[in-house]
Amino acid sequence: MTTFFGSFEHAIDERGRVAIPARYRKSFDAGVVLRLGSEGCIEMYTTEGFDRQVSLRLGDHESNRSREGRRVRRGFLARAFDVELDKQGRILIPQQLREPATLSDRAMVVGLGDYIELWDPTRWESELDEVGDDEDEDGVRETAAGGDA
């Protein structure tokens, strides 16, 4: 399994396509799943990684048939889209995801270990400011109680 890390700025063409960094393309040979993330970014998974997230987040317990369970499923699965890499290593970001993520002509491609996030560059800078505010000078994340994590 590939560990995704780093951040890269890429152009989005007029059709809504963005290039995936070359070092990660092979990981997406079997397909790509995109979904709208809760912070206004787009989450990008390998097919295998998405299946793991479905199992982890939704499981297959009877509680998923409850009203709340169905709502959780709708929130997670209804905003997911299968896409493929083209021969140039690009993916087409569906308009239904581009609009709420405010992606137009540029995207930050950000590796987060087992998946990638796509951010509007301005929103990404704001997110980085927030992340920076939560770390001490040694780069250690502080807990809510103010101690080290």
Protein backbone atom coordinates (compact mmCIF):
# COMPACT_ATOMS: atom_id res chain seq x y z
CA MET A 1 0.00 0.00 0.00
CA THR A 2 1.30 3.44 -0.94
CA THR A 3 1.58 6.15 1.68
CA PHE A 4 0.46 9.44 0.16
CA PHE A 5 2.26 12.53 1.43
CA GLY A 6 3.28 16.01 0.33
CA SER A 7 1.33 18.76 -1.38
CA PHE A 8 1.38 19.68 -5.05
CA GLU A 9 -0.40 22.47 -6.93
CA HIS A 10 -1.86 21.49 -10.29
CA ALA A 11 -3.93 23.19 -12.95
CA ILE A 12 -7.51 22.12 -13.60
CA ASP A 13 -8.29 22.27 -17.30
CA GLU A 14 -11.48 23.64 -18.87
CA ARG A 15 -13.10 20.18 -18.76
CA GLY A 16 -12.43 19.77 -15.01
CA ARG A 17 -9.45 17.43 -15.25
CA VAL A 18 -6.48 17.52 -12.86
CA ALA A 19 -3.21 15.58 -13.08
CA ILE A 20 -2.29 13.19 -10.30
CA PRO A 21 1.38 13.32 -9.25
CA ALA A 22 3.32 10.76 -11.30
CA ARG A 23 4.63 8.91 -8.25
CA TYR A 24 1.05 8.06 -7.17
CA ARG A 25 -0.52 7.13 -10.50
CA LYS A 26 0.26 3.41 -10.33
CA SER A 27 -1.69 3.19 -7.04
CA PHE A 28 -4.84 4.24 -8.92
CA ASP A 29 -4.56 1.75 -11.81
CA ALA A 30 -7.59 -0.16 -10.49
CA GLY A 31 -9.66 3.01 -10.26
CA VAL A 32 -10.27 6.14 -8.25
CA VAL A 33 -13.13 7.03 -5.93
CA LEU A 34 -13.82 10.69 -5.16
CA ARG A 35 -16.15 11.99 -2.47
CA LEU A 36 -16.92 15.35 -0.96
CA GLY A 37 -15.11 15.72 2.36
CA SER A 38 -16.59 17.39 5.41
CA GLU A 39 -14.20 20.38 5.32
CA GLY A 40 -15.05 21.33 1.74
CA CYS A 41 -12.25 19.40 0.05
CA ILE A 42 -12.54 16.33 -2.15
CA GLU A 43 -11.29 13.01 -0.77
CA MET A 44 -9.58 10.73 -3.29
CA TYR A 45 -9.22 7.00 -2.60
CA THR A 46 -7.90 3.97 -4.38
CA THR A 47 -10.73 1.51 -4.97
CA GLU A 48 -9.29 -0.73 -2.26
CA GLY A 49 -8.88 2.22 0.13
CA PHE A 50 -12.48 3.30 -0.42
CA ASP A 51 -13.72 -0.23 0.31
CA ARG A 52 -11.76 -0.14 3.59
CA GLN A 53 -13.36 3.21 4.46
CA VAL A 54 -16.83 1.86 3.74
CA SER A 55 -16.16 -1.09 6.02
CA LEU A 56 -14.59 1.09 8.72
CA ARG A 57 -17.14 3.92 8.67
CA LEU A 58 -20.29 1.99 7.85
CA GLY A 59 -19.60 -1.60 8.80
CA ASP A 60 -22.36 -4.03 8.14
CA HIS A 61 -24.11 -4.04 11.48
CA GLU A 62 -27.87 -4.11 11.84
CA SER A 63 -27.72 -0.56 13.24
CA ASN A 64 -26.99 0.65 9.72
CA ARG A 65 -30.62 -0.14 8.86
CA SER A 66 -31.87 2.39 11.42
CA ARG A 67 -32.88 5.88 10.33
CA GLU A 68 -29.58 7.29 11.63
CA GLY A 69 -27.64 4.47 10.00
CA ARG A 70 -29.30 5.18 6.64
CA ARG A 71 -28.47 8.88 6.98
CA VAL A 72 -24.81 8.08 7.67
CA ARG A 73 -24.75 5.83 4.60
CA ARG A 74 -26.40 8.52 2.45
CA GLY A 75 -23.95 11.14 3.64
CA PHE A 76 -20.96 8.97 2.87
CA LEU A 77 -21.96 7.00 -0.22
CA ALA A 78 -24.25 9.38 -2.11
CA ARG A 79 -21.42 11.88 -2.56
CA ALA A 80 -18.96 9.31 -3.95
CA PHE A 81 -18.03 8.95 -7.63
CA ASP A 82 -15.96 6.36 -9.53
CA VAL A 83 -13.49 7.98 -11.92
CA GLU A 84 -10.51 6.72 -13.89
CA LEU A 85 -7.06 7.98 -14.73
CA ASP A 86 -6.68 8.84 -18.39
CA LYS A 87 -3.51 8.08 -20.36
CA GLN A 88 -2.00 11.41 -19.25
CA GLY A 89 -2.54 10.58 -15.55
CA ARG A 90 -5.50 12.94 -15.09
CA ILE A 91 -8.88 12.45 -13.46
CA LEU A 92 -12.09 14.24 -14.35
CA ILE A 93 -13.56 15.83 -11.22
CA PRO A 94 -17.36 15.70 -11.48
CA GLN A 95 -19.07 19.10 -11.48
CA GLN A 96 -21.14 17.96 -8.46
CA LEU A 97 -17.88 17.87 -6.48
CA ARG A 98 -16.06 20.82 -8.06
CA GLU A 99 -18.75 23.35 -7.15
CA PRO A 100 -19.02 22.71 -3.39
CA ALA A 101 -15.22 22.36 -3.15
CA THR A 102 -14.87 25.70 -5.02
CA LEU A 103 -12.37 24.18 -7.47
CA SER A 104 -12.02 26.07 -10.72
CA ASP A 105 -8.59 26.48 -12.34
CA ARG A 106 -6.12 25.24 -9.68
CA ALA A 107 -6.11 22.46 -7.08
CA MET A 108 -3.83 21.48 -4.25
CA VAL A 109 -3.25 17.72 -4.27
CA VAL A 110 -2.45 16.81 -0.65
CA GLY A 111 -1.34 13.37 0.54
CA LEU A 112 -2.79 12.20 3.85
CA GLY A 113 -1.37 8.72 4.28
CA ASP A 114 -4.02 6.34 2.96
CA TYR A 115 -5.83 8.86 0.77
CA ILE A 116 -5.43 12.20 -1.02
CA GLU A 117 -7.37 15.43 -0.63
CA LEU A 118 -8.01 17.99 -3.38
CA TRP A 119 -8.32 21.58 -2.12
CA ASP A 120 -8.95 25.00 -3.57
CA PRO A 121 -5.53 26.69 -3.01
CA THR A 122 -7.00 29.59 -1.00
CA ARG A 123 -8.96 27.25 1.25
CA TRP A 124 -5.85 25.08 1.62
CA GLU A 125 -3.84 28.07 2.86
CA SER A 126 -6.54 28.78 5.44
CA GLU A 127 -6.50 25.15 6.52
CA LEU A 128 -2.71 25.26 6.88
CA ASP A 129 -3.03 28.37 9.06
CA GLU A 130 -5.47 26.47 11.29
CA VAL A 131 -3.16 23.45 11.46
CA GLY A 132 -0.21 25.70 12.30
CA ASP A 133 -2.17 27.28 15.16
CA ASP A 134 -2.69 23.83 16.68
CA GLU A 135 1.02 22.91 16.80
CA ASP A 136 3.72 24.08 19.17
CA GLU A 137 7.12 25.26 17.94
CA ASP A 138 8.42 21.66 17.77
CA GLY A 139 5.61 20.63 15.41
CA VAL A 140 3.86 18.59 18.12
CA ARG A 141 0.10 18.81 18.06
CA GLU A 142 -1.39 20.06 21.29
CA THR A 143 -4.38 18.32 22.85
CA ALA A 144 -7.52 20.14 23.89
CA ALA A 145 -6.25 20.12 27.49
CA GLY A 146 -3.06 21.84 26.34
CA GLY A 147 -0.73 18.87 26.81
CA ASP A 148 1.30 17.03 24.20
CA ALA A 149 -0.40 14.45 22.00
